Structures are given as structure tokens and as C-alpha cells.
Amino acid sequence: MRAQEIETALTRFGQVGREARSDQEGTGLGLPLTRDLIELHGGELKIDSTPDIGTTVSIIFPSERVVPNQIEN
């Protein structure tokens, strides 16, 4: 995705590349809702994308919002 497409994808009901994926349904709410929930917890959603190469989405939470792993072996 290009920078403008990322901006569109983060807008409620914004959809990118829909014409190339007519077989897929969606409302354009997934990324905006995810970003809003992350921000409510003091976190940040980062999207790095290179057109025709790929996209990386990172979610960063402040340490006080992260629960330590409690799995015992």
C-alpha cells in the first residue's frame, strides 16, 4: 500500500484495492477499530508498506499494559 492507501485503510469504511479483490467482502472497519482499541490502551498501531512487496503491521503497547507470560512448564 502507498501512504495515501494506508490513510484510507485507517479511515472508517475506507477500503483499498477492492476492485482487485471482488471475491472478498468487508466493511472497512477492521483496521480503524483495531487502531482505536490499541490507542485506548495507550498503544500504537504502525503500518509500514512497500507497494508490490509487502506490508508489516506492528502493535506497540506500553509496558504497564502488557501481562507477563505466566505459563509454567
N, C-alpha and C. Protein backbone atom coordinates (compact mmCIF):
# COMPACT_ATOMS: atom_id res chain seq x y z
N MET A 1 0.84 -1.19 0.00
CA MET A 1 0.00 0.00 0.00
C MET A 1 0.88 1.25 0.00
N ARG A 2 0.40 2.22 -0.67
CA ARG A 2 1.07 3.52 -0.66
C ARG A 2 0.59 4.31 0.55
N ALA A 3 1.27 5.40 0.89
CA ALA A 3 0.93 6.20 2.08
C ALA A 3 -0.53 6.63 2.06
N GLN A 4 -1.03 7.08 0.91
CA GLN A 4 -2.42 7.51 0.81
C GLN A 4 -3.38 6.34 1.03
N GLU A 5 -3.00 5.16 0.56
CA GLU A 5 -3.84 3.98 0.74
C GLU A 5 -3.89 3.55 2.21
N ILE A 6 -2.77 3.69 2.92
CA ILE A 6 -2.76 3.38 4.35
C ILE A 6 -3.70 4.32 5.08
N GLU A 7 -3.64 5.59 4.73
CA GLU A 7 -4.53 6.59 5.33
C GLU A 7 -6.00 6.22 5.08
N THR A 8 -6.30 5.80 3.86
CA THR A 8 -7.66 5.39 3.52
C THR A 8 -8.06 4.15 4.31
N ALA A 9 -7.18 3.16 4.40
CA ALA A 9 -7.47 1.91 5.11
C ALA A 9 -7.73 2.15 6.60
N LEU A 10 -7.15 3.20 7.16
CA LEU A 10 -7.34 3.52 8.58
C LEU A 10 -8.56 4.41 8.82
N THR A 11 -9.28 4.75 7.75
CA THR A 11 -10.50 5.54 7.84
C THR A 11 -11.69 4.59 7.90
N ARG A 12 -12.64 4.88 8.80
CA ARG A 12 -13.83 4.02 8.88
C ARG A 12 -14.50 3.89 7.52
N PHE A 13 -14.77 2.66 7.14
CA PHE A 13 -15.39 2.28 5.87
C PHE A 13 -14.47 2.49 4.68
N GLY A 14 -13.20 2.84 4.93
CA GLY A 14 -12.24 3.01 3.84
C GLY A 14 -11.73 1.66 3.39
N GLN A 15 -11.73 1.43 2.10
CA GLN A 15 -11.25 0.17 1.55
C GLN A 15 -10.26 0.47 0.44
N VAL A 16 -9.24 -0.38 0.37
CA VAL A 16 -8.15 -0.19 -0.59
C VAL A 16 -8.07 -1.42 -1.49
N GLY A 17 -7.90 -1.21 -2.78
CA GLY A 17 -7.71 -2.31 -3.71
C GLY A 17 -8.91 -3.22 -3.85
N ARG A 18 -10.07 -2.72 -3.57
CA ARG A 18 -11.31 -3.52 -3.61
C ARG A 18 -11.56 -4.08 -5.01
N GLU A 19 -11.24 -3.31 -6.05
CA GLU A 19 -11.52 -3.76 -7.41
C GLU A 19 -10.72 -5.00 -7.78
N ALA A 20 -9.55 -5.17 -7.20
CA ALA A 20 -8.72 -6.34 -7.49
C ALA A 20 -9.14 -7.56 -6.68
N ARG A 21 -10.01 -7.36 -5.65
CA ARG A 21 -10.41 -8.47 -4.78
C ARG A 21 -11.93 -8.52 -4.66
N SER A 22 -12.61 -8.57 -5.76
CA SER A 22 -14.07 -8.53 -5.73
C SER A 22 -14.68 -9.74 -5.04
N ASP A 23 -13.92 -10.82 -4.87
CA ASP A 23 -14.44 -12.02 -4.22
C ASP A 23 -14.41 -11.91 -2.69
N GLN A 24 -13.79 -10.88 -2.15
CA GLN A 24 -13.68 -10.72 -0.70
C GLN A 24 -14.63 -9.63 -0.22
N GLU A 25 -15.31 -9.96 0.87
CA GLU A 25 -16.23 -8.99 1.45
C GLU A 25 -15.57 -8.30 2.64
N GLY A 26 -16.08 -7.16 2.98
CA GLY A 26 -15.59 -6.43 4.14
C GLY A 26 -16.28 -5.09 4.23
N THR A 27 -16.21 -4.52 5.42
CA THR A 27 -16.86 -3.24 5.64
C THR A 27 -15.89 -2.08 5.70
N GLY A 28 -14.60 -2.39 5.85
CA GLY A 28 -13.63 -1.32 6.01
C GLY A 28 -13.55 -0.82 7.44
N LEU A 29 -13.94 -1.67 8.40
CA LEU A 29 -13.90 -1.26 9.80
C LEU A 29 -12.80 -1.96 10.61
N GLY A 30 -12.23 -3.01 10.10
CA GLY A 30 -11.25 -3.80 10.86
C GLY A 30 -10.06 -3.01 11.37
N LEU A 31 -9.33 -2.36 10.48
CA LEU A 31 -8.15 -1.60 10.90
C LEU A 31 -8.50 -0.41 11.78
N PRO A 32 -9.53 0.39 11.43
CA PRO A 32 -9.86 1.52 12.30
C PRO A 32 -10.27 1.08 13.71
N LEU A 33 -11.07 0.03 13.82
CA LEU A 33 -11.47 -0.45 15.15
C LEU A 33 -10.28 -0.99 15.93
N THR A 34 -9.42 -1.74 15.24
CA THR A 34 -8.22 -2.27 15.89
C THR A 34 -7.34 -1.14 16.40
N ARG A 35 -7.10 -0.14 15.55
CA ARG A 35 -6.28 1.01 15.95
C ARG A 35 -6.90 1.72 17.16
N ASP A 36 -8.22 1.94 17.13
CA ASP A 36 -8.89 2.63 18.24
C ASP A 36 -8.76 1.85 19.55
N LEU A 37 -8.93 0.52 19.50
CA LEU A 37 -8.79 -0.30 20.72
C LEU A 37 -7.36 -0.25 21.26
N ILE A 38 -6.39 -0.32 20.36
CA ILE A 38 -4.99 -0.26 20.78
C ILE A 38 -4.70 1.09 21.43
N GLU A 39 -5.19 2.18 20.82
CA GLU A 39 -4.95 3.51 21.37
C GLU A 39 -5.64 3.71 22.71
N LEU A 40 -6.79 3.07 22.91
CA LEU A 40 -7.47 3.15 24.22
C LEU A 40 -6.62 2.54 25.33
N HIS A 41 -5.75 1.62 24.97
CA HIS A 41 -4.83 1.00 25.93
C HIS A 41 -3.48 1.71 25.95
N GLY A 42 -3.38 2.86 25.32
CA GLY A 42 -2.14 3.62 25.32
C GLY A 42 -1.12 3.14 24.32
N GLY A 43 -1.55 2.30 23.39
CA GLY A 43 -0.63 1.73 22.41
C GLY A 43 -0.66 2.46 21.09
N GLU A 44 0.04 1.87 20.15
CA GLU A 44 0.18 2.48 18.82
C GLU A 44 0.15 1.39 17.76
N LEU A 45 -0.55 1.64 16.66
CA LEU A 45 -0.57 0.75 15.50
C LEU A 45 0.28 1.40 14.43
N LYS A 46 1.29 0.68 13.94
CA LYS A 46 2.16 1.21 12.89
C LYS A 46 2.05 0.31 11.66
N ILE A 47 1.94 0.92 10.51
CA ILE A 47 1.88 0.18 9.25
C ILE A 47 3.00 0.66 8.36
N ASP A 48 3.88 -0.27 7.98
CA ASP A 48 4.96 0.01 7.04
C ASP A 48 4.68 -0.83 5.80
N SER A 49 4.63 -0.19 4.65
CA SER A 49 4.26 -0.91 3.44
C SER A 49 5.06 -0.43 2.25
N THR A 50 5.43 -1.38 1.41
CA THR A 50 6.07 -1.09 0.14
C THR A 50 5.20 -1.70 -0.94
N PRO A 51 4.66 -0.88 -1.84
CA PRO A 51 3.79 -1.41 -2.89
C PRO A 51 4.43 -2.56 -3.66
N ASP A 52 3.65 -3.59 -3.91
CA ASP A 52 4.06 -4.78 -4.66
C ASP A 52 5.13 -5.61 -3.95
N ILE A 53 5.47 -5.26 -2.71
CA ILE A 53 6.45 -6.03 -1.93
C ILE A 53 5.78 -6.65 -0.72
N GLY A 54 5.18 -5.83 0.13
CA GLY A 54 4.50 -6.36 1.31
C GLY A 54 4.24 -5.29 2.35
N THR A 55 3.52 -5.70 3.39
CA THR A 55 3.11 -4.79 4.45
C THR A 55 3.41 -5.43 5.80
N THR A 56 3.92 -4.63 6.72
CA THR A 56 4.16 -5.06 8.10
C THR A 56 3.34 -4.17 9.01
N VAL A 57 2.54 -4.81 9.87
CA VAL A 57 1.74 -4.08 10.85
C VAL A 57 2.32 -4.39 12.22
N SER A 58 2.65 -3.36 12.98
CA SER A 58 3.22 -3.52 14.32
C SER A 58 2.27 -2.92 15.35
N ILE A 59 2.15 -3.60 16.46
CA ILE A 59 1.33 -3.12 17.57
C ILE A 59 2.26 -2.93 18.75
N ILE A 60 2.30 -1.71 19.28
CA ILE A 60 3.19 -1.38 20.38
C ILE A 60 2.36 -0.93 21.57
N PHE A 61 2.53 -1.65 22.69
CA PHE A 61 1.83 -1.30 23.93
C PHE A 61 2.85 -0.82 24.96
N PRO A 62 2.46 0.12 25.82
CA PRO A 62 3.33 0.50 26.92
C PRO A 62 3.48 -0.69 27.88
N SER A 63 4.61 -0.79 28.52
CA SER A 63 4.91 -1.95 29.37
C SER A 63 3.86 -2.17 30.46
N GLU A 64 3.26 -1.10 30.98
CA GLU A 64 2.27 -1.27 32.05
C GLU A 64 0.97 -1.92 31.56
N ARG A 65 0.78 -2.03 30.24
CA ARG A 65 -0.41 -2.65 29.68
C ARG A 65 -0.18 -4.09 29.26
N VAL A 66 1.05 -4.58 29.42
CA VAL A 66 1.39 -5.93 28.99
C VAL A 66 1.40 -6.87 30.19
N VAL A 67 0.70 -8.01 30.05
CA VAL A 67 0.65 -9.01 31.12
C VAL A 67 1.80 -9.98 30.90
N PRO A 68 2.63 -10.22 31.93
CA PRO A 68 3.76 -11.15 31.78
C PRO A 68 3.25 -12.57 31.48
N ASN A 69 4.04 -13.30 30.76
CA ASN A 69 3.73 -14.70 30.45
C ASN A 69 3.76 -15.52 31.74
N GLN A 70 2.67 -16.20 32.06
CA GLN A 70 2.57 -16.96 33.30
C GLN A 70 2.51 -18.47 33.06
N ILE A 71 2.92 -18.92 31.89
CA ILE A 71 2.87 -20.35 31.55
C ILE A 71 3.97 -21.09 32.32
N GLU A 72 3.57 -22.15 33.02
CA GLU A 72 4.54 -22.97 33.75
C GLU A 72 4.83 -24.23 32.96
N ASN A 73 6.07 -24.66 32.97
CA ASN A 73 6.46 -25.90 32.27
C ASN A 73 6.36 -27.08 33.18
